[in-house]
């Protein structure tokens, strides 16, 4: 029985790890362009895996003479994706805030009802 659990756990672990690997596929078209301009490895890795680039990365792109249009497009695409994620997060926060307000109102309503019942019982 222990072998069954271990094999099940091992299989599950393999599926989880393989799923993580497929989530971050590199942008092959961008990789080809960046390698043709001999962009430094750190900047190259950040961009093909669609991570945030900083000022030093932009300077690396400039030194490698990558066209400004490519850098601008990457920044616009990345910022657009970040904004979508931020908006999605804010919408989820708003939903949870609204649910909390509903719960508080329901609790207050139930508390008033229960207090009235208690008062009626005390009178008898």
PDB file of N, CA and C in Angstrom:
ATOM      1  N   UNK A   1       0.817  -1.190   0.000  1.00  0.00           N
ATOM      2  CA  UNK A   1       0.000   0.000   0.000  1.00  0.00           C
ATOM      3  C   UNK A   1       0.867   1.262   0.000  1.00  0.00           C
ATOM      4  N   UNK A   2       1.972   1.236   0.741  1.00  0.00           N
ATOM      5  CA  UNK A   2       2.862   2.390   0.776  1.00  0.00           C
ATOM      6  C   UNK A   2       3.459   2.660  -0.597  1.00  0.00           C
ATOM      7  N   UNK A   3       3.773   1.594  -1.329  1.00  0.00           N
ATOM      8  CA  UNK A   3       4.346   1.763  -2.674  1.00  0.00           C
ATOM      9  C   UNK A   3       3.355   2.446  -3.607  1.00  0.00           C
ATOM     10  N   UNK A   4       2.071   2.102  -3.438  1.00  0.00           N
ATOM     11  CA  UNK A   4       1.047   2.739  -4.264  1.00  0.00           C
ATOM     12  C   UNK A   4       1.006   4.235  -3.991  1.00  0.00           C
ATOM     13  N   UNK A   5       1.013   4.609  -2.725  1.00  0.00           N
ATOM     14  CA  UNK A   5       0.973   6.034  -2.357  1.00  0.00           C
ATOM     15  C   UNK A   5       2.217   6.766  -2.847  1.00  0.00           C
ATOM     16  N   UNK A   6       3.355   6.132  -2.723  1.00  0.00           N
ATOM     17  CA  UNK A   6       4.592   6.768  -3.187  1.00  0.00           C
ATOM     18  C   UNK A   6       4.594   6.938  -4.693  1.00  0.00           C
ATOM     19  N   UNK A   7       4.139   5.924  -5.428  1.00  0.00           N
ATOM     20  CA  UNK A   7       4.110   6.045  -6.889  1.00  0.00           C
ATOM     21  C   UNK A   7       3.090   7.094  -7.320  1.00  0.00           C
ATOM     22  N   UNK A   8       1.950   7.152  -6.610  1.00  0.00           N
ATOM     23  CA  UNK A   8       0.949   8.177  -6.909  1.00  0.00           C
ATOM     24  C   UNK A   8       1.515   9.573  -6.649  1.00  0.00           C
ATOM     25  N   UNK A   9       2.177   9.733  -5.523  1.00  0.00           N
ATOM     26  CA  UNK A   9       2.778  11.019  -5.178  1.00  0.00           C
ATOM     27  C   UNK A   9       3.861  11.407  -6.176  1.00  0.00           C
ATOM     28  N   UNK A  10       4.676  10.451  -6.562  1.00  0.00           N
ATOM     29  CA  UNK A  10       5.735  10.705  -7.533  1.00  0.00           C
ATOM     30  C   UNK A  10       5.155  11.120  -8.885  1.00  0.00           C
ATOM     31  N   UNK A  11       4.107  10.434  -9.327  1.00  0.00           N
ATOM     32  CA  UNK A  11       3.451  10.779 -10.599  1.00  0.00           C
ATOM     33  C   UNK A  11       2.856  12.180 -10.533  1.00  0.00           C
ATOM     34  N   UNK A  12       2.219  12.491  -9.428  1.00  0.00           N
ATOM     35  CA  UNK A  12       1.635  13.820  -9.249  1.00  0.00           C
ATOM     36  C   UNK A  12       2.717  14.899  -9.281  1.00  0.00           C
ATOM     37  N   UNK A  13       3.832  14.640  -8.638  1.00  0.00           N
ATOM     38  CA  UNK A  13       4.940  15.582  -8.622  1.00  0.00           C
ATOM     39  C   UNK A  13       5.475  15.827 -10.030  1.00  0.00           C
ATOM     40  N   UNK A  14       5.600  14.778 -10.821  1.00  0.00           N
ATOM     41  CA  UNK A  14       6.079  14.923 -12.204  1.00  0.00           C
ATOM     42  C   UNK A  14       5.127  15.789 -13.017  1.00  0.00           C
ATOM     43  N   UNK A  15       3.819  15.557 -12.867  1.00  0.00           N
ATOM     44  CA  UNK A  15       2.847  16.363 -13.606  1.00  0.00           C
ATOM     45  C   UNK A  15       2.900  17.826 -13.187  1.00  0.00           C
ATOM     46  N   UNK A  16       3.042  18.074 -11.901  1.00  0.00           N
ATOM     47  CA  UNK A  16       3.122  19.459 -11.430  1.00  0.00           C
ATOM     48  C   UNK A  16       4.365  20.158 -11.962  1.00  0.00           C
ATOM     49  N   UNK A  17       5.494  19.474 -11.916  1.00  0.00           N
ATOM     50  CA  UNK A  17       6.730  20.084 -12.398  1.00  0.00           C
ATOM     51  C   UNK A  17       6.699  20.300 -13.901  1.00  0.00           C
ATOM     52  N   UNK A  18       6.145  19.370 -14.634  1.00  0.00           N
ATOM     53  CA  UNK A  18       6.068  19.551 -16.086  1.00  0.00           C
ATOM     54  C   UNK A  18       5.111  20.677 -16.429  1.00  0.00           C
ATOM     55  N   UNK A  19       4.067  20.856 -15.625  1.00  0.00           N
ATOM     56  CA  UNK A  19       3.150  21.968 -15.843  1.00  0.00           C
ATOM     57  C   UNK A  19       3.822  23.300 -15.605  1.00  0.00           C
ATOM     58  N   UNK A  20       4.685  23.373 -14.618  1.00  0.00           N
ATOM     59  CA  UNK A  20       5.401  24.625 -14.333  1.00  0.00           C
ATOM     60  C   UNK A  20       6.354  24.976 -15.467  1.00  0.00           C
ATOM     61  N   UNK A  21       6.958  23.982 -16.055  1.00  0.00           N
ATOM     62  CA  UNK A  21       7.904  24.235 -17.134  1.00  0.00           C
ATOM     63  C   UNK A  21       7.185  24.798 -18.351  1.00  0.00           C
ATOM     64  N   UNK A  22       5.989  24.317 -18.642  1.00  0.00           N
ATOM     65  CA  UNK A  22       5.285  24.776 -19.833  1.00  0.00           C
ATOM     66  C   UNK A  22       4.662  26.149 -19.645  1.00  0.00           C
ATOM     67  N   UNK A  23       4.530  26.618 -18.411  1.00  0.00           N
ATOM     68  CA  UNK A  23       3.930  27.927 -18.188  1.00  0.00           C
ATOM     69  C   UNK A  23       4.804  29.070 -18.689  1.00  0.00           C
ATOM     70  N   UNK A  24       6.109  28.914 -18.640  1.00  0.00           N
ATOM     71  CA  UNK A  24       7.025  29.995 -18.992  1.00  0.00           C
ATOM     72  C   UNK A  24       7.810  29.649 -20.255  1.00  0.00           C
ATOM     73  N   UNK A  25       7.095  29.562 -21.348  1.00  0.00           N
ATOM     74  CA  UNK A  25       7.777  29.279 -22.600  1.00  0.00           C
ATOM     75  C   UNK A  25       8.396  30.571 -23.120  1.00  0.00           C
ATOM     76  N   UNK A  26       9.600  30.480 -23.624  1.00  0.00           N
ATOM     77  CA  UNK A  26      10.247  31.688 -24.137  1.00  0.00           C
ATOM     78  C   UNK A  26       9.613  32.153 -25.445  1.00  0.00           C
ATOM     79  N   UNK A  27       9.700  33.434 -25.669  1.00  0.00           N
ATOM     80  CA  UNK A  27       9.228  34.026 -26.909  1.00  0.00           C
ATOM     81  C   UNK A  27      10.329  33.804 -27.951  1.00  0.00           C
ATOM     82  N   UNK A  28      10.139  32.835 -28.825  1.00  0.00           N
ATOM     83  CA  UNK A  28      11.190  32.434 -29.757  1.00  0.00           C
ATOM     84  C   UNK A  28      11.506  33.514 -30.797  1.00  0.00           C
ATOM     85  N   UNK A  29      10.494  34.229 -31.241  1.00  0.00           N
ATOM     86  CA  UNK A  29      10.720  35.283 -32.227  1.00  0.00           C
ATOM     87  C   UNK A  29      11.566  36.408 -31.619  1.00  0.00           C
ATOM     88  N   UNK A  30      11.234  36.792 -30.426  1.00  0.00           N
ATOM     89  CA  UNK A  30      12.014  37.826 -29.743  1.00  0.00           C
ATOM     90  C   UNK A  30      13.420  37.324 -29.448  1.00  0.00           C
ATOM     91  N   UNK A  31      13.544  36.058 -29.092  1.00  0.00           N
ATOM     92  CA  UNK A  31      14.863  35.473 -28.806  1.00  0.00           C
ATOM     93  C   UNK A  31      15.764  35.561 -30.034  1.00  0.00           C
ATOM     94  N   UNK A  32      15.210  35.294 -31.203  1.00  0.00           N
ATOM     95  CA  UNK A  32      16.007  35.358 -32.436  1.00  0.00           C
ATOM     96  C   UNK A  32      16.493  36.781 -32.704  1.00  0.00           C
ATOM     97  N   UNK A  33      15.617  37.747 -32.485  1.00  0.00           N
ATOM     98  CA  UNK A  33      15.986  39.148 -32.722  1.00  0.00           C
ATOM     99  C   UNK A  33      17.064  39.582 -31.731  1.00  0.00           C
ATOM    100  N   UNK A  34      16.872  39.271 -30.452  1.00  0.00           N
ATOM    101  CA  UNK A  34      17.828  39.697 -29.433  1.00  0.00           C
ATOM    102  C   UNK A  34      19.190  39.047 -29.623  1.00  0.00           C
ATOM    103  N   UNK A  35      19.196  37.778 -29.991  1.00  0.00           N
ATOM    104  CA  UNK A  35      20.485  37.115 -30.179  1.00  0.00           C
ATOM    105  C   UNK A  35      21.201  37.660 -31.416  1.00  0.00           C
ATOM    106  N   UNK A  36      20.448  38.111 -32.416  1.00  0.00           N
ATOM    107  CA  UNK A  36      21.101  38.679 -33.593  1.00  0.00           C
ATOM    108  C   UNK A  36      21.793  40.010 -33.265  1.00  0.00           C
ATOM    109  N   UNK A  37      21.310  40.701 -32.230  1.00  0.00           N
ATOM    110  CA  UNK A  37      21.927  41.959 -31.805  1.00  0.00           C
ATOM    111  C   UNK A  37      22.935  41.748 -30.670  1.00  0.00           C
ATOM    112  N   UNK A  38      23.146  40.518 -30.255  1.00  0.00           N
ATOM    113  CA  UNK A  38      24.110  40.163 -29.201  1.00  0.00           C
ATOM    114  C   UNK A  38      23.825  40.901 -27.885  1.00  0.00           C
ATOM    115  N   UNK A  39      22.571  40.810 -27.477  1.00  0.00           N
ATOM    116  CA  UNK A  39      22.141  41.429 -26.217  1.00  0.00           C
ATOM    117  C   UNK A  39      22.741  40.624 -25.060  1.00  0.00           C
ATOM    118  N   UNK A  40      23.213  41.283 -23.990  1.00  0.00           N
ATOM    119  CA  UNK A  40      23.753  40.564 -22.833  1.00  0.00           C
ATOM    120  C   UNK A  40      22.758  39.543 -22.276  1.00  0.00           C
ATOM    121  N   UNK A  41      23.295  38.455 -21.761  1.00  0.00           N
ATOM    122  CA  UNK A  41      22.483  37.306 -21.345  1.00  0.00           C
ATOM    123  C   UNK A  41      21.415  37.659 -20.308  1.00  0.00           C
ATOM    124  N   UNK A  42      21.749  38.496 -19.350  1.00  0.00           N
ATOM    125  CA  UNK A  42      20.790  38.851 -18.292  1.00  0.00           C
ATOM    126  C   UNK A  42      19.553  39.525 -18.878  1.00  0.00           C
ATOM    127  N   UNK A  43      19.767  40.491 -19.741  1.00  0.00           N
ATOM    128  CA  UNK A  43      18.663  41.202 -20.379  1.00  0.00           C
ATOM    129  C   UNK A  43      17.906  40.263 -21.311  1.00  0.00           C
ATOM    130  N   UNK A  44      18.644  39.460 -22.042  1.00  0.00           N
ATOM    131  CA  UNK A  44      18.059  38.494 -22.976  1.00  0.00           C
ATOM    132  C   UNK A  44      17.096  37.564 -22.234  1.00  0.00           C
ATOM    133  N   UNK A  45      17.541  37.003 -21.109  1.00  0.00           N
ATOM    134  CA  UNK A  45      16.708  36.081 -20.337  1.00  0.00           C
ATOM    135  C   UNK A  45      15.442  36.750 -19.822  1.00  0.00           C
ATOM    136  N   UNK A  46      15.579  37.968 -19.317  1.00  0.00           N
ATOM    137  CA  UNK A  46      14.413  38.681 -18.802  1.00  0.00           C
ATOM    138  C   UNK A  46      13.376  38.893 -19.901  1.00  0.00           C
ATOM    139  N   UNK A  47      13.849  39.264 -21.075  1.00  0.00           N
ATOM    140  CA  UNK A  47      12.905  39.608 -22.136  1.00  0.00           C
ATOM    141  C   UNK A  47      12.246  38.379 -22.760  1.00  0.00           C
ATOM    142  N   UNK A  48      12.996  37.316 -22.992  1.00  0.00           N
ATOM    143  CA  UNK A  48      12.344  36.178 -23.644  1.00  0.00           C
ATOM    144  C   UNK A  48      11.382  35.454 -22.709  1.00  0.00           C
ATOM    145  N   UNK A  49      11.586  35.596 -21.392  1.00  0.00           N
ATOM    146  CA  UNK A  49      10.656  35.007 -20.437  1.00  0.00           C
ATOM    147  C   UNK A  49       9.653  36.029 -19.910  1.00  0.00           C
ATOM    148  N   UNK A  50       9.596  37.178 -20.574  1.00  0.00           N
ATOM    149  CA  UNK A  50       8.622  38.236 -20.314  1.00  0.00           C
ATOM    150  C   UNK A  50       8.611  38.671 -18.855  1.00  0.00           C
ATOM    151  N   UNK A  51       9.773  39.050 -18.377  1.00  0.00           N
ATOM    152  CA  UNK A  51       9.909  39.601 -17.030  1.00  0.00           C
ATOM    153  C   UNK A  51      10.147  41.110 -17.131  1.00  0.00           C
ATOM    154  N   UNK A  52      10.065  41.759 -16.007  1.00  0.00           N
ATOM    155  CA  UNK A  52      10.256  43.202 -15.966  1.00  0.00           C
ATOM    156  C   UNK A  52      11.724  43.546 -16.241  1.00  0.00           C
ATOM    157  N   UNK A  53      11.924  44.540 -17.088  1.00  0.00           N
ATOM    158  CA  UNK A  53      13.287  45.019 -17.335  1.00  0.00           C
ATOM    159  C   UNK A  53      13.449  46.374 -16.667  1.00  0.00           C
ATOM    160  N   UNK A  54      14.677  46.679 -16.261  1.00  0.00           N
ATOM    161  CA  UNK A  54      14.940  47.941 -15.589  1.00  0.00           C
ATOM    162  C   UNK A  54      15.805  48.839 -16.480  1.00  0.00           C
ATOM    163  N   UNK A  55      16.237  49.929 -15.902  1.00  0.00           N
ATOM    164  CA  UNK A  55      17.007  50.923 -16.659  1.00  0.00           C
ATOM    165  C   UNK A  55      18.292  50.323 -17.224  1.00  0.00           C
ATOM    166  N   UNK A  56      18.987  49.505 -16.458  1.00  0.00           N
ATOM    167  CA  UNK A  56      20.241  48.915 -16.955  1.00  0.00           C
ATOM    168  C   UNK A  56      19.976  47.994 -18.149  1.00  0.00           C
ATOM    169  N   UNK A  57      18.835  47.308 -18.144  1.00  0.00           N
ATOM    170  CA  UNK A  57      18.481  46.462 -19.284  1.00  0.00           C
ATOM    171  C   UNK A  57      18.205  47.306 -20.525  1.00  0.00           C
ATOM    172  N   UNK A  58      17.553  48.410 -20.329  1.00  0.00           N
ATOM    173  CA  UNK A  58      17.285  49.302 -21.471  1.00  0.00           C
ATOM    174  C   UNK A  58      18.596  49.856 -22.012  1.00  0.00           C
ATOM    175  N   UNK A  59      19.517  50.181 -21.124  1.00  0.00           N
ATOM    176  CA  UNK A  59      20.828  50.642 -21.577  1.00  0.00           C
ATOM    177  C   UNK A  59      21.566  49.531 -22.329  1.00  0.00           C
ATOM    178  N   UNK A  60      21.447  48.293 -21.873  1.00  0.00           N
ATOM    179  CA  UNK A  60      22.049  47.169 -22.599  1.00  0.00           C
ATOM    180  C   UNK A  60      21.466  47.039 -24.003  1.00  0.00           C
ATOM    181  N   UNK A  61      20.170  47.255 -24.119  1.00  0.00           N
ATOM    182  CA  UNK A  61      19.534  47.195 -25.439  1.00  0.00           C
ATOM    183  C   UNK A  61      20.050  48.315 -26.339  1.00  0.00           C
ATOM    184  N   UNK A  62      20.219  49.502 -25.758  1.00  0.00           N
ATOM    185  CA  UNK A  62      20.751  50.628 -26.523  1.00  0.00           C
ATOM    186  C   UNK A  62      22.189  50.372 -26.971  1.00  0.00           C
ATOM    187  N   UNK A  63      23.009  49.855 -26.057  1.00  0.00           N
ATOM    188  CA  UNK A  63      24.408  49.562 -26.401  1.00  0.00           C
ATOM    189  C   UNK A  63      24.511  48.487 -27.475  1.00  0.00           C
ATOM    190  N   UNK A  64      23.555  47.569 -27.476  1.00  0.00           N
ATOM    191  CA  UNK A  64      23.556  46.501 -28.483  1.00  0.00           C
ATOM    192  C   UNK A  64      22.923  46.964 -29.791  1.00  0.00           C
ATOM    193  N   UNK A  65      22.456  48.221 -29.804  1.00  0.00           N
ATOM    194  CA  UNK A  65      21.838  48.840 -30.977  1.00  0.00           C
ATOM    195  C   UNK A  65      20.556  48.136 -31.431  1.00  0.00           C
ATOM    196  N   UNK A  66      19.796  47.649 -30.448  1.00  0.00           N
ATOM    197  CA  UNK A  66      18.476  47.089 -30.746  1.00  0.00           C
ATOM    198  C   UNK A  66      17.570  48.250 -31.122  1.00  0.00           C
ATOM    199  N   UNK A  67      16.802  48.126 -32.206  1.00  0.00           N
ATOM    200  CA  UNK A  67      15.934  49.234 -32.612  1.00  0.00           C
ATOM    201  C   UNK A  67      14.970  49.643 -31.492  1.00  0.00           C
ATOM    202  N   UNK A  68      14.771  50.929 -31.393  1.00  0.00           N
ATOM    203  CA  UNK A  68      13.903  51.478 -30.350  1.00  0.00           C
ATOM    204  C   UNK A  68      12.492  50.924 -30.461  1.00  0.00           C
ATOM    205  N   UNK A  69      12.066  50.635 -31.673  1.00  0.00           N
ATOM    206  CA  UNK A  69      10.703  50.115 -31.865  1.00  0.00           C
ATOM    207  C   UNK A  69      10.517  48.772 -31.146  1.00  0.00           C
ATOM    208  N   UNK A  70      11.549  47.943 -31.132  1.00  0.00           N
ATOM    209  CA  UNK A  70      11.458  46.648 -30.450  1.00  0.00           C
ATOM    210  C   UNK A  70      11.399  46.852 -28.939  1.00  0.00           C
ATOM    211  N   UNK A  71      12.243  47.739 -28.428  1.00  0.00           N
ATOM    212  CA  UNK A  71      12.250  48.021 -26.991  1.00  0.00           C
ATOM    213  C   UNK A  71      10.911  48.610 -26.566  1.00  0.00           C
ATOM    214  N   UNK A  72      10.403  49.556 -27.326  1.00  0.00           N
ATOM    215  CA  UNK A  72       9.126  50.204 -27.012  1.00  0.00           C
ATOM    216  C   UNK A  72       7.980  49.203 -27.050  1.00  0.00           C
ATOM    217  N   UNK A  73       7.967  48.358 -28.062  1.00  0.00           N
ATOM    218  CA  UNK A  73       6.909  47.343 -28.163  1.00  0.00           C
ATOM    219  C   UNK A  73       6.953  46.406 -26.958  1.00  0.00           C
ATOM    220  N   UNK A  74       8.156  45.978 -26.564  1.00  0.00           N
ATOM    221  CA  UNK A  74       8.271  45.096 -25.403  1.00  0.00           C
ATOM    222  C   UNK A  74       7.734  45.791 -24.152  1.00  0.00           C
ATOM    223  N   UNK A  75       8.134  47.030 -23.932  1.00  0.00           N
ATOM    224  CA  UNK A  75       7.686  47.760 -22.748  1.00  0.00           C
ATOM    225  C   UNK A  75       6.164  47.949 -22.754  1.00  0.00           C
ATOM    226  N   UNK A  76       5.607  48.277 -23.920  1.00  0.00           N
ATOM    227  CA  UNK A  76       4.155  48.444 -24.018  1.00  0.00           C
ATOM    228  C   UNK A  76       3.431  47.127 -23.747  1.00  0.00           C
ATOM    229  N   UNK A  77       3.903  46.047 -24.364  1.00  0.00           N
ATOM    230  CA  UNK A  77       3.265  44.741 -24.178  1.00  0.00           C
ATOM    231  C   UNK A  77       3.371  44.295 -22.727  1.00  0.00           C
ATOM    232  N   UNK A  78       4.552  44.461 -22.147  1.00  0.00           N
ATOM    233  CA  UNK A  78       4.756  44.037 -20.762  1.00  0.00           C
ATOM    234  C   UNK A  78       3.885  44.860 -19.819  1.00  0.00           C
ATOM    235  N   UNK A  79       3.866  46.178 -20.007  1.00  0.00           N
ATOM    236  CA  UNK A  79       3.068  47.048 -19.143  1.00  0.00           C
ATOM    237  C   UNK A  79       1.585  46.770 -19.299  1.00  0.00           C
ATOM    238  N   UNK A  80       1.148  46.454 -20.523  1.00  0.00           N
ATOM    239  CA  UNK A  80      -0.255  46.126 -20.746  1.00  0.00           C
ATOM    240  C   UNK A  80      -0.629  44.875 -19.964  1.00  0.00           C
ATOM    241  N   UNK A  81       0.235  43.864 -20.014  1.00  0.00           N
ATOM    242  CA  UNK A  81      -0.030  42.624 -19.267  1.00  0.00           C
ATOM    243  C   UNK A  81      -0.034  42.888 -17.765  1.00  0.00           C
ATOM    244  N   UNK A  82       0.903  43.701 -17.299  1.00  0.00           N
ATOM    245  CA  UNK A  82       0.947  44.041 -15.865  1.00  0.00           C
ATOM    246  C   UNK A  82      -0.320  44.782 -15.448  1.00  0.00           C
ATOM    247  N   UNK A  83      -0.775  45.699 -16.298  1.00  0.00           N
ATOM    248  CA  UNK A  83      -1.992  46.447 -15.988  1.00  0.00           C
ATOM    249  C   UNK A  83      -3.199  45.519 -15.930  1.00  0.00           C
ATOM    250  N   UNK A  84      -3.269  44.554 -16.852  1.00  0.00           N
ATOM    251  CA  UNK A  84      -4.381  43.595 -16.820  1.00  0.00           C
ATOM    252  C   UNK A  84      -4.376  42.817 -15.511  1.00  0.00           C
ATOM    253  N   UNK A  85      -3.195  42.358 -15.106  1.00  0.00           N
ATOM    254  CA  UNK A  85      -3.084  41.601 -13.862  1.00  0.00           C
ATOM    255  C   UNK A  85      -3.464  42.467 -12.662  1.00  0.00           C
ATOM    256  N   UNK A  86      -3.010  43.716 -12.667  1.00  0.00           N
ATOM    257  CA  UNK A  86      -3.321  44.627 -11.561  1.00  0.00           C
ATOM    258  C   UNK A  86      -4.823  44.902 -11.499  1.00  0.00           C
ATOM    259  N   UNK A  87      -5.446  45.132 -12.675  1.00  0.00           N
ATOM    260  CA  UNK A  87      -6.880  45.390 -12.706  1.00  0.00           C
ATOM    261  C   UNK A  87      -7.661  44.162 -12.238  1.00  0.00           C
ATOM    262  N   UNK A  88      -7.214  42.988 -12.667  1.00  0.00           N
ATOM    263  CA  UNK A  88      -7.875  41.754 -12.243  1.00  0.00           C
ATOM    264  C   UNK A  88      -7.783  41.602 -10.732  1.00  0.00           C
ATOM    265  N   UNK A  89      -6.607  41.887 -10.185  1.00  0.00           N
ATOM    266  CA  UNK A  89      -6.418  41.806  -8.741  1.00  0.00           C
ATOM    267  C   UNK A  89      -7.314  42.805  -8.014  1.00  0.00           C
ATOM    268  N   UNK A  90      -7.398  44.019  -8.541  1.00  0.00           N
ATOM    269  CA  UNK A  90      -8.234  45.043  -7.911  1.00  0.00           C
ATOM    270  C   UNK A  90      -9.706  44.653  -7.973  1.00  0.00           C
ATOM    271  N   UNK A  91     -10.138  44.052  -9.098  1.00  0.00           N
ATOM    272  CA  UNK A  91     -11.525  43.615  -9.209  1.00  0.00           C
ATOM    273  C   UNK A  91     -11.824  42.520  -8.190  1.00  0.00           C
ATOM    274  N   UNK A  92     -10.882  41.600  -8.006  1.00  0.00           N
ATOM    275  CA  UNK A  92     -11.077  40.550  -7.006  1.00  0.00           C
ATOM    276  C   UNK A  92     -11.137  41.144  -5.610  1.00  0.00           C
ATOM    277  N   UNK A  93     -10.291  42.160  -5.353  1.00  0.00           N
ATOM    278  CA  UNK A  93     -10.328  42.826  -4.051  1.00  0.00           C
ATOM    279  C   UNK A  93     -11.666  43.513  -3.818  1.00  0.00           C
ATOM    280  N   UNK A  94     -12.176  44.162  -4.882  1.00  0.00           N
ATOM    281  CA  UNK A  94     -13.467  44.839  -4.762  1.00  0.00           C
ATOM    282  C   UNK A  94     -14.569  43.829  -4.477  1.00  0.00           C
ATOM    283  N   UNK A  95     -14.522  42.672  -5.157  1.00  0.00           N
ATOM    284  CA  UNK A  95     -15.534  41.641  -4.915  1.00  0.00           C
ATOM    285  C   UNK A  95     -15.478  41.160  -3.473  1.00  0.00           C
ATOM    286  N   UNK A  96     -14.261  40.929  -2.978  1.00  0.00           N
ATOM    287  CA  UNK A  96     -14.158  40.457  -1.596  1.00  0.00           C
ATOM    288  C   UNK A  96     -14.606  41.541  -0.617  1.00  0.00           C
ATOM    289  N   UNK A  97     -14.339  42.822  -0.923  1.00  0.00           N
ATOM    290  CA  UNK A  97     -14.813  43.918  -0.073  1.00  0.00           C
ATOM    291  C   UNK A  97     -16.336  43.964  -0.063  1.00  0.00           C
ATOM    292  N   UNK A  98     -16.948  43.786  -1.248  1.00  0.00           N
ATOM    293  CA  UNK A  98     -18.406  43.790  -1.336  1.00  0.00           C
ATOM    294  C   UNK A  98     -19.005  42.615  -0.568  1.00  0.00           C
ATOM    295  N   UNK A  99     -18.367  41.449  -0.674  1.00  0.00           N
ATOM    296  CA  UNK A  99     -18.843  40.284   0.071  1.00  0.00           C
ATOM    297  C   UNK A  99     -18.723  40.529   1.572  1.00  0.00           C
ATOM    298  N   UNK A 100     -17.646  41.180   1.993  1.00  0.00           N
ATOM    299  CA  UNK A 100     -17.465  41.480   3.417  1.00  0.00           C
ATOM    300  C   UNK A 100     -18.550  42.437   3.897  1.00  0.00           C
ATOM    301  N   UNK A 101     -18.862  43.450   3.094  1.00  0.00           N
ATOM    302  CA  UNK A 101     -19.919  44.395   3.473  1.00  0.00           C
ATOM    303  C   UNK A 101     -21.257  43.675   3.604  1.00  0.00           C
ATOM    304  N   UNK A 102     -21.553  42.767   2.640  1.00  0.00           N
ATOM    305  CA  UNK A 102     -22.795  42.005   2.715  1.00  0.00           C
ATOM    306  C   UNK A 102     -22.828  41.140   3.971  1.00  0.00           C
ATOM    307  N   UNK A 103     -21.709  40.532   4.292  1.00  0.00           N
ATOM    308  CA  UNK A 103     -21.637  39.692   5.486  1.00  0.00           C
ATOM    309  C   UNK A 103     -21.858  40.525   6.743  1.00  0.00           C
ATOM    310  N   UNK A 104     -21.240  41.710   6.788  1.00  0.00           N
ATOM    311  CA  UNK A 104     -21.431  42.586   7.952  1.00  0.00           C
ATOM    312  C   UNK A 104     -22.891  43.009   8.086  1.00  0.00           C
ATOM    313  N   UNK A 105     -23.520  43.372   6.959  1.00  0.00           N
ATOM    314  CA  UNK A 105     -24.931  43.774   6.999  1.00  0.00           C
ATOM    315  C   UNK A 105     -25.809  42.620   7.457  1.00  0.00           C
ATOM    316  N   UNK A 106     -25.528  41.425   6.916  1.00  0.00           N
ATOM    317  CA  UNK A 106     -26.315  40.257   7.307  1.00  0.00           C
ATOM    318  C   UNK A 106     -26.118  39.967   8.794  1.00  0.00           C
ATOM    319  N   UNK A 107     -24.885  40.073   9.264  1.00  0.00           N
ATOM    320  CA  UNK A 107     -24.613  39.832  10.683  1.00  0.00           C
ATOM    321  C   UNK A 107     -25.360  40.841  11.546  1.00  0.00           C
ATOM    322  N   UNK A 108     -25.323  42.107  11.159  1.00  0.00           N
ATOM    323  CA  UNK A 108     -26.016  43.139  11.927  1.00  0.00           C
ATOM    324  C   UNK A 108     -27.521  42.881  11.920  1.00  0.00           C
ATOM    325  N   UNK A 109     -28.059  42.510  10.774  1.00  0.00           N
ATOM    326  CA  UNK A 109     -29.487  42.218  10.659  1.00  0.00           C
ATOM    327  C   UNK A 109     -29.860  41.028  11.543  1.00  0.00           C
ATOM    328  N   UNK A 110     -29.055  39.964  11.463  1.00  0.00           N
ATOM    329  CA  UNK A 110     -29.318  38.772  12.276  1.00  0.00           C
ATOM    330  C   UNK A 110     -29.192  39.078  13.762  1.00  0.00           C
ATOM    331  N   UNK A 111     -28.223  39.917  14.113  1.00  0.00           N
ATOM    332  CA  UNK A 111     -28.040  40.285  15.528  1.00  0.00           C
ATOM    333  C   UNK A 111     -29.252  41.052  16.036  1.00  0.00           C
ATOM    334  N   UNK A 112     -29.783  41.993  15.244  1.00  0.00           N
ATOM    335  CA  UNK A 112     -30.979  42.747  15.649  1.00  0.00           C
ATOM    336  C   UNK A 112     -32.173  41.807  15.817  1.00  0.00           C
ATOM    337  N   UNK A 113     -32.342  40.886  14.861  1.00  0.00           N
ATOM    338  CA  UNK A 113     -33.448  39.931  14.930  1.00  0.00           C
ATOM    339  C   UNK A 113     -33.335  39.062  16.182  1.00  0.00           C
ATOM    340  N   UNK A 114     -32.137  38.553  16.417  1.00  0.00           N
ATOM    341  CA  UNK A 114     -31.941  37.697  17.582  1.00  0.00           C
ATOM    342  C   UNK A 114     -32.149  38.465  18.887  1.00  0.00           C
ATOM    343  N   UNK A 115     -31.735  39.733  18.914  1.00  0.00           N
ATOM    344  CA  UNK A 115     -31.927  40.555  20.111  1.00  0.00           C
ATOM    345  C   UNK A 115     -33.417  40.782  20.362  1.00  0.00           C
ATOM    346  N   UNK A 116     -34.190  41.005  19.292  1.00  0.00           N
ATOM    347  CA  UNK A 116     -35.641  41.186  19.446  1.00  0.00           C
ATOM    348  C   UNK A 116     -36.288  39.920  19.989  1.00  0.00           C
ATOM    349  N   UNK A 117     -35.863  38.761  19.478  1.00  0.00           N
ATOM    350  CA  UNK A 117     -36.384  37.488  19.982  1.00  0.00           C
ATOM    351  C   UNK A 117     -36.063  37.333  21.464  1.00  0.00           C
ATOM    352  N   UNK A 118     -34.851  37.687  21.823  1.00  0.00           N
ATOM    353  CA  UNK A 118     -34.429  37.586  23.218  1.00  0.00           C
ATOM    354  C   UNK A 118     -35.278  38.488  24.107  1.00  0.00           C
ATOM    355  N   UNK A 119     -35.533  39.726  23.634  1.00  0.00           N
ATOM    356  CA  UNK A 119     -36.345  40.669  24.405  1.00  0.00           C
ATOM    357  C   UNK A 119     -37.771  40.138  24.592  1.00  0.00           C
ATOM    358  N   UNK A 120     -38.309  39.522  23.519  1.00  0.00           N
ATOM    359  CA  UNK A 120     -39.671  38.978  23.638  1.00  0.00           C
ATOM    360  C   UNK A 120     -39.725  37.857  24.650  1.00  0.00           C
ATOM    361  N   UNK A 121     -38.685  37.016  24.688  1.00  0.00           N
ATOM    362  CA  UNK A 121     -38.659  35.909  25.630  1.00  0.00           C
ATOM    363  C   UNK A 121     -38.524  36.413  27.082  1.00  0.00           C
ATOM    364  N   UNK A 122     -37.820  37.494  27.265  1.00  0.00           N
ATOM    365  CA  UNK A 122     -37.630  38.039  28.619  1.00  0.00           C
ATOM    366  C   UNK A 122     -38.920  38.595  29.197  1.00  0.00           C
ATOM    367  N   UNK A 123     -39.811  39.077  28.328  1.00  0.00           N
ATOM    368  CA  UNK A 123     -41.058  39.681  28.790  1.00  0.00           C
ATOM    369  C   UNK A 123     -41.983  38.628  29.381  1.00  0.00           C
ATOM    370  N   UNK A 124     -41.905  37.414  28.893  1.00  0.00           N
ATOM    371  CA  UNK A 124     -42.811  36.376  29.407  1.00  0.00           C
ATOM    372  C   UNK A 124     -42.291  35.804  30.630  1.00  0.00           C
TER     373      UNK A 124
END
